[in-house]
Amino acid sequence: MPHTVEIPEGLEYVGASLLTVVFVLLGQSHVVGRYRKKAGIEYPQLYAEKAQAEKSRDAHLFNCAQRATQHTLEQLPNVLILTAINGLKYPIPTAAAITLWSVSRVSFTRGYLTGDPKKRSNLIHVLGQLGLIGMLGSSIYTAYTWVVAGLK
């Protein structure tokens, strides 16, 4: 049986918030490339070897930049799935959560780039993660209502 899907008012903010994710990824890629060059780590080597990182602060910082980017990429599928589900029902809160997540990724990366990975987690990073947990909860609720009450 076909359903009509209404585009909710405010969905444009979800699209705009997703652009912040693109800028975060571009920024992280730039940082990784800069540290790769400074450390002299050739492609296709993904990380500096332990001996290289122990010998060179640039190689260590390259590993930190690379790991921060990898962590973002690991979370990205979940972020996009939650955005797709939530954005159709709750576009404004979804846009706010995605923007907060993007800001938290910048903070996470900057903390990692101190060279001390323990500094990667801070209040802004925690808030971004809480936003994702909130989106997970509302996605579960939205999916439940779609299944139980029909797509509305």
C-alpha atoms as a PDB file:
ATOM      1  CA  MET A   1       0.000   0.000   0.000  1.00  0.00           C
ATOM      2  CA  PRO A   2       1.550   3.347  -1.022  1.00  0.00           C
ATOM      3  CA  HIS A   3       2.208   6.092   1.529  1.00  0.00           C
ATOM      4  CA  THR A   4       2.505   9.798   1.099  1.00  0.00           C
ATOM      5  CA  VAL A   5       5.625  11.298   2.597  1.00  0.00           C
ATOM      6  CA  GLU A   6       5.439  14.953   3.507  1.00  0.00           C
ATOM      7  CA  ILE A   7       8.636  16.935   3.533  1.00  0.00           C
ATOM      8  CA  PRO A   8       8.671  18.569   6.954  1.00  0.00           C
ATOM      9  CA  GLU A   9       9.229  22.254   7.390  1.00  0.00           C
ATOM     10  CA  GLY A  10      12.824  22.796   8.458  1.00  0.00           C
ATOM     11  CA  LEU A  11      14.356  19.940   6.483  1.00  0.00           C
ATOM     12  CA  GLU A  12      16.635  22.466   4.785  1.00  0.00           C
ATOM     13  CA  TYR A  13      18.410  22.904   8.120  1.00  0.00           C
ATOM     14  CA  VAL A  14      19.248  19.201   8.133  1.00  0.00           C
ATOM     15  CA  GLY A  15      20.915  19.616   4.730  1.00  0.00           C
ATOM     16  CA  ALA A  16      22.833  22.643   5.963  1.00  0.00           C
ATOM     17  CA  SER A  17      23.958  20.793   9.098  1.00  0.00           C
ATOM     18  CA  LEU A  18      25.225  17.901   6.977  1.00  0.00           C
ATOM     19  CA  LEU A  19      27.449  20.367   5.144  1.00  0.00           C
ATOM     20  CA  THR A  20      29.244  20.972   8.441  1.00  0.00           C
ATOM     21  CA  VAL A  21      30.214  17.288   8.395  1.00  0.00           C
ATOM     22  CA  VAL A  22      31.762  17.757   4.947  1.00  0.00           C
ATOM     23  CA  PHE A  23      33.816  20.686   6.209  1.00  0.00           C
ATOM     24  CA  VAL A  24      34.985  18.683   9.232  1.00  0.00           C
ATOM     25  CA  LEU A  25      36.122  15.833   6.969  1.00  0.00           C
ATOM     26  CA  LEU A  26      37.871  18.223   4.599  1.00  0.00           C
ATOM     27  CA  GLY A  27      39.619  19.890   7.531  1.00  0.00           C
ATOM     28  CA  GLN A  28      40.693  16.591   9.029  1.00  0.00           C
ATOM     29  CA  SER A  29      42.004  15.387   5.663  1.00  0.00           C
ATOM     30  CA  HIS A  30      44.008  18.589   5.312  1.00  0.00           C
ATOM     31  CA  VAL A  31      45.513  18.163   8.790  1.00  0.00           C
ATOM     32  CA  VAL A  32      46.415  14.522   8.118  1.00  0.00           C
ATOM     33  CA  GLY A  33      48.057  15.502   4.837  1.00  0.00           C
ATOM     34  CA  ARG A  34      50.025  18.293   6.472  1.00  0.00           C
ATOM     35  CA  TYR A  35      51.352  16.020   9.222  1.00  0.00           C
ATOM     36  CA  ARG A  36      52.024  13.211   6.739  1.00  0.00           C
ATOM     37  CA  LYS A  37      54.233  15.572   4.765  1.00  0.00           C
ATOM     38  CA  LYS A  38      56.010  16.951   7.868  1.00  0.00           C
ATOM     39  CA  ALA A  39      56.667  13.423   9.141  1.00  0.00           C
ATOM     40  CA  GLY A  40      57.766  12.097   5.742  1.00  0.00           C
ATOM     41  CA  ILE A  41      55.312   9.192   5.879  1.00  0.00           C
ATOM     42  CA  GLU A  42      54.865   7.916   2.347  1.00  0.00           C
ATOM     43  CA  TYR A  43      51.657   6.572   0.849  1.00  0.00           C
ATOM     44  CA  PRO A  44      50.152   3.971   1.216  1.00  0.00           C
ATOM     45  CA  GLN A  45      51.420   3.715   4.811  1.00  0.00           C
ATOM     46  CA  LEU A  46      48.341   4.413   6.940  1.00  0.00           C
ATOM     47  CA  TYR A  47      50.179   5.170  10.198  1.00  0.00           C
ATOM     48  CA  ALA A  48      53.740   5.865  11.258  1.00  0.00           C
ATOM     49  CA  GLU A  49      55.395   2.751  12.663  1.00  0.00           C
ATOM     50  CA  LYS A  50      55.947   2.709  16.411  1.00  0.00           C
ATOM     51  CA  ALA A  51      59.681   3.345  16.012  1.00  0.00           C
ATOM     52  CA  GLN A  52      58.985   6.302  13.696  1.00  0.00           C
ATOM     53  CA  ALA A  53      56.465   7.810  16.133  1.00  0.00           C
ATOM     54  CA  GLU A  54      58.831   7.405  19.081  1.00  0.00           C
ATOM     55  CA  LYS A  55      61.653   9.100  17.164  1.00  0.00           C
ATOM     56  CA  SER A  56      59.682  11.966  15.638  1.00  0.00           C
ATOM     57  CA  ARG A  57      57.052  14.218  17.198  1.00  0.00           C
ATOM     58  CA  ASP A  58      55.752  14.941  13.681  1.00  0.00           C
ATOM     59  CA  ALA A  59      55.222  11.213  13.097  1.00  0.00           C
ATOM     60  CA  HIS A  60      53.441  10.944  16.455  1.00  0.00           C
ATOM     61  CA  LEU A  61      51.207  13.900  15.579  1.00  0.00           C
ATOM     62  CA  PHE A  62      50.528  12.335  12.192  1.00  0.00           C
ATOM     63  CA  ASN A  63      49.270   9.223  13.983  1.00  0.00           C
ATOM     64  CA  CYS A  64      47.116  11.371  16.255  1.00  0.00           C
ATOM     65  CA  ALA A  65      45.626  13.261  13.297  1.00  0.00           C
ATOM     66  CA  GLN A  66      45.057  10.037  11.401  1.00  0.00           C
ATOM     67  CA  ARG A  67      43.373   8.385  14.391  1.00  0.00           C
ATOM     68  CA  ALA A  68      41.063  11.366  14.984  1.00  0.00           C
ATOM     69  CA  THR A  69      40.005  11.210  11.341  1.00  0.00           C
ATOM     70  CA  GLN A  70      39.507   7.446  11.476  1.00  0.00           C
ATOM     71  CA  HIS A  71      37.326   7.822  14.558  1.00  0.00           C
ATOM     72  CA  THR A  72      35.152  10.349  12.728  1.00  0.00           C
ATOM     73  CA  LEU A  73      34.839   7.989   9.758  1.00  0.00           C
ATOM     74  CA  GLU A  74      33.922   5.116  12.079  1.00  0.00           C
ATOM     75  CA  GLN A  75      31.044   7.134  13.527  1.00  0.00           C
ATOM     76  CA  LEU A  76      29.875   8.612  10.233  1.00  0.00           C
ATOM     77  CA  PRO A  77      27.575   5.754   9.085  1.00  0.00           C
ATOM     78  CA  ASN A  78      25.682   5.914  12.387  1.00  0.00           C
ATOM     79  CA  VAL A  79      25.433   9.688  12.155  1.00  0.00           C
ATOM     80  CA  LEU A  80      24.048   9.535   8.619  1.00  0.00           C
ATOM     81  CA  ILE A  81      21.523   6.786   9.411  1.00  0.00           C
ATOM     82  CA  LEU A  82      20.266   8.625  12.494  1.00  0.00           C
ATOM     83  CA  THR A  83      20.064  11.847  10.488  1.00  0.00           C
ATOM     84  CA  ALA A  84      17.992  10.169   7.764  1.00  0.00           C
ATOM     85  CA  ILE A  85      15.505   8.791  10.282  1.00  0.00           C
ATOM     86  CA  ASN A  86      15.294  11.814  12.592  1.00  0.00           C
ATOM     87  CA  GLY A  87      15.462  14.468   9.923  1.00  0.00           C
ATOM     88  CA  LEU A  88      12.113  13.447   8.482  1.00  0.00           C
ATOM     89  CA  LYS A  89      10.306  13.680  11.806  1.00  0.00           C
ATOM     90  CA  TYR A  90      12.330  16.180  13.864  1.00  0.00           C
ATOM     91  CA  PRO A  91      14.353  18.310  11.433  1.00  0.00           C
ATOM     92  CA  ILE A  92      15.328  21.214  13.704  1.00  0.00           C
ATOM     93  CA  PRO A  93      16.583  19.117  16.653  1.00  0.00           C
ATOM     94  CA  THR A  94      18.346  16.835  14.165  1.00  0.00           C
ATOM     95  CA  ALA A  95      20.097  19.769  12.521  1.00  0.00           C
ATOM     96  CA  ALA A  96      21.179  21.053  15.933  1.00  0.00           C
ATOM     97  CA  ALA A  97      22.502  17.619  16.953  1.00  0.00           C
ATOM     98  CA  ILE A  98      24.478  17.204  13.726  1.00  0.00           C
ATOM     99  CA  THR A  99      25.985  20.661  14.010  1.00  0.00           C
ATOM    100  CA  LEU A 100      26.932  19.980  17.621  1.00  0.00           C
ATOM    101  CA  TRP A 101      28.465  16.662  16.568  1.00  0.00           C
ATOM    102  CA  SER A 102      30.538  18.436  13.916  1.00  0.00           C
ATOM    103  CA  VAL A 103      31.772  21.002  16.436  1.00  0.00           C
ATOM    104  CA  SER A 104      32.583  18.156  18.816  1.00  0.00           C
ATOM    105  CA  ARG A 105      34.665  16.462  16.091  1.00  0.00           C
ATOM    106  CA  VAL A 106      36.728  19.636  15.693  1.00  0.00           C
ATOM    107  CA  SER A 107      37.270  19.764  19.457  1.00  0.00           C
ATOM    108  CA  PHE A 108      38.106  16.040  19.531  1.00  0.00           C
ATOM    109  CA  THR A 109      40.667  16.465  16.733  1.00  0.00           C
ATOM    110  CA  ARG A 110      42.262  19.514  18.341  1.00  0.00           C
ATOM    111  CA  GLY A 111      42.569  17.635  21.617  1.00  0.00           C
ATOM    112  CA  TYR A 112      44.176  14.688  19.862  1.00  0.00           C
ATOM    113  CA  LEU A 113      46.624  17.006  18.092  1.00  0.00           C
ATOM    114  CA  THR A 114      48.132  18.078  21.400  1.00  0.00           C
ATOM    115  CA  GLY A 115      50.046  14.821  21.132  1.00  0.00           C
ATOM    116  CA  ASP A 116      48.351  13.468  24.248  1.00  0.00           C
ATOM    117  CA  PRO A 117      45.427  11.279  23.142  1.00  0.00           C
ATOM    118  CA  LYS A 118      43.891  11.561  26.630  1.00  0.00           C
ATOM    119  CA  LYS A 119      43.084  15.200  25.826  1.00  0.00           C
ATOM    120  CA  ARG A 120      40.817  14.190  22.944  1.00  0.00           C
ATOM    121  CA  SER A 121      37.757  13.899  25.157  1.00  0.00           C
ATOM    122  CA  ASN A 122      36.418  17.082  26.701  1.00  0.00           C
ATOM    123  CA  LEU A 123      33.072  18.691  27.474  1.00  0.00           C
ATOM    124  CA  ILE A 124      32.344  19.628  23.858  1.00  0.00           C
ATOM    125  CA  HIS A 125      33.144  16.094  22.682  1.00  0.00           C
ATOM    126  CA  VAL A 126      30.900  14.629  25.382  1.00  0.00           C
ATOM    127  CA  LEU A 127      28.049  16.957  24.374  1.00  0.00           C
ATOM    128  CA  GLY A 128      28.382  15.823  20.760  1.00  0.00           C
ATOM    129  CA  GLN A 129      28.203  12.197  21.842  1.00  0.00           C
ATOM    130  CA  LEU A 130      25.154  12.933  24.022  1.00  0.00           C
ATOM    131  CA  GLY A 131      23.500  14.489  20.958  1.00  0.00           C
ATOM    132  CA  LEU A 132      24.036  11.233  19.079  1.00  0.00           C
ATOM    133  CA  ILE A 133      22.617   9.216  21.958  1.00  0.00           C
ATOM    134  CA  GLY A 134      19.576  11.499  21.935  1.00  0.00           C
ATOM    135  CA  MET A 135      19.220  10.966  18.198  1.00  0.00           C
ATOM    136  CA  LEU A 136      19.432   7.213  18.715  1.00  0.00           C
ATOM    137  CA  GLY A 137      16.620   7.380  21.241  1.00  0.00           C
ATOM    138  CA  SER A 138      14.412   9.493  19.024  1.00  0.00           C
ATOM    139  CA  SER A 139      15.200   7.235  16.040  1.00  0.00           C
ATOM    140  CA  ILE A 140      14.041   4.204  17.992  1.00  0.00           C
ATOM    141  CA  TYR A 141      10.867   6.058  18.956  1.00  0.00           C
ATOM    142  CA  THR A 142      10.304   7.250  15.374  1.00  0.00           C
ATOM    143  CA  ALA A 143      10.856   3.782  13.903  1.00  0.00           C
ATOM    144  CA  TYR A 144       8.513   2.293  16.496  1.00  0.00           C
ATOM    145  CA  THR A 145       5.758   4.778  15.711  1.00  0.00           C
ATOM    146  CA  TRP A 146       6.212   4.219  11.984  1.00  0.00           C
ATOM    147  CA  VAL A 147       5.824   0.480  12.420  1.00  0.00           C
ATOM    148  CA  VAL A 148       3.016   0.552  14.979  1.00  0.00           C
ATOM    149  CA  ALA A 149       1.041   3.558  13.802  1.00  0.00           C
ATOM    150  CA  GLY A 150       1.950   3.448  10.128  1.00  0.00           C
ATOM    151  CA  LEU A 151       4.195   5.906   8.324  1.00  0.00           C
ATOM    152  CA  LYS A 152       3.115   9.410   9.472  1.00  0.00           C
END
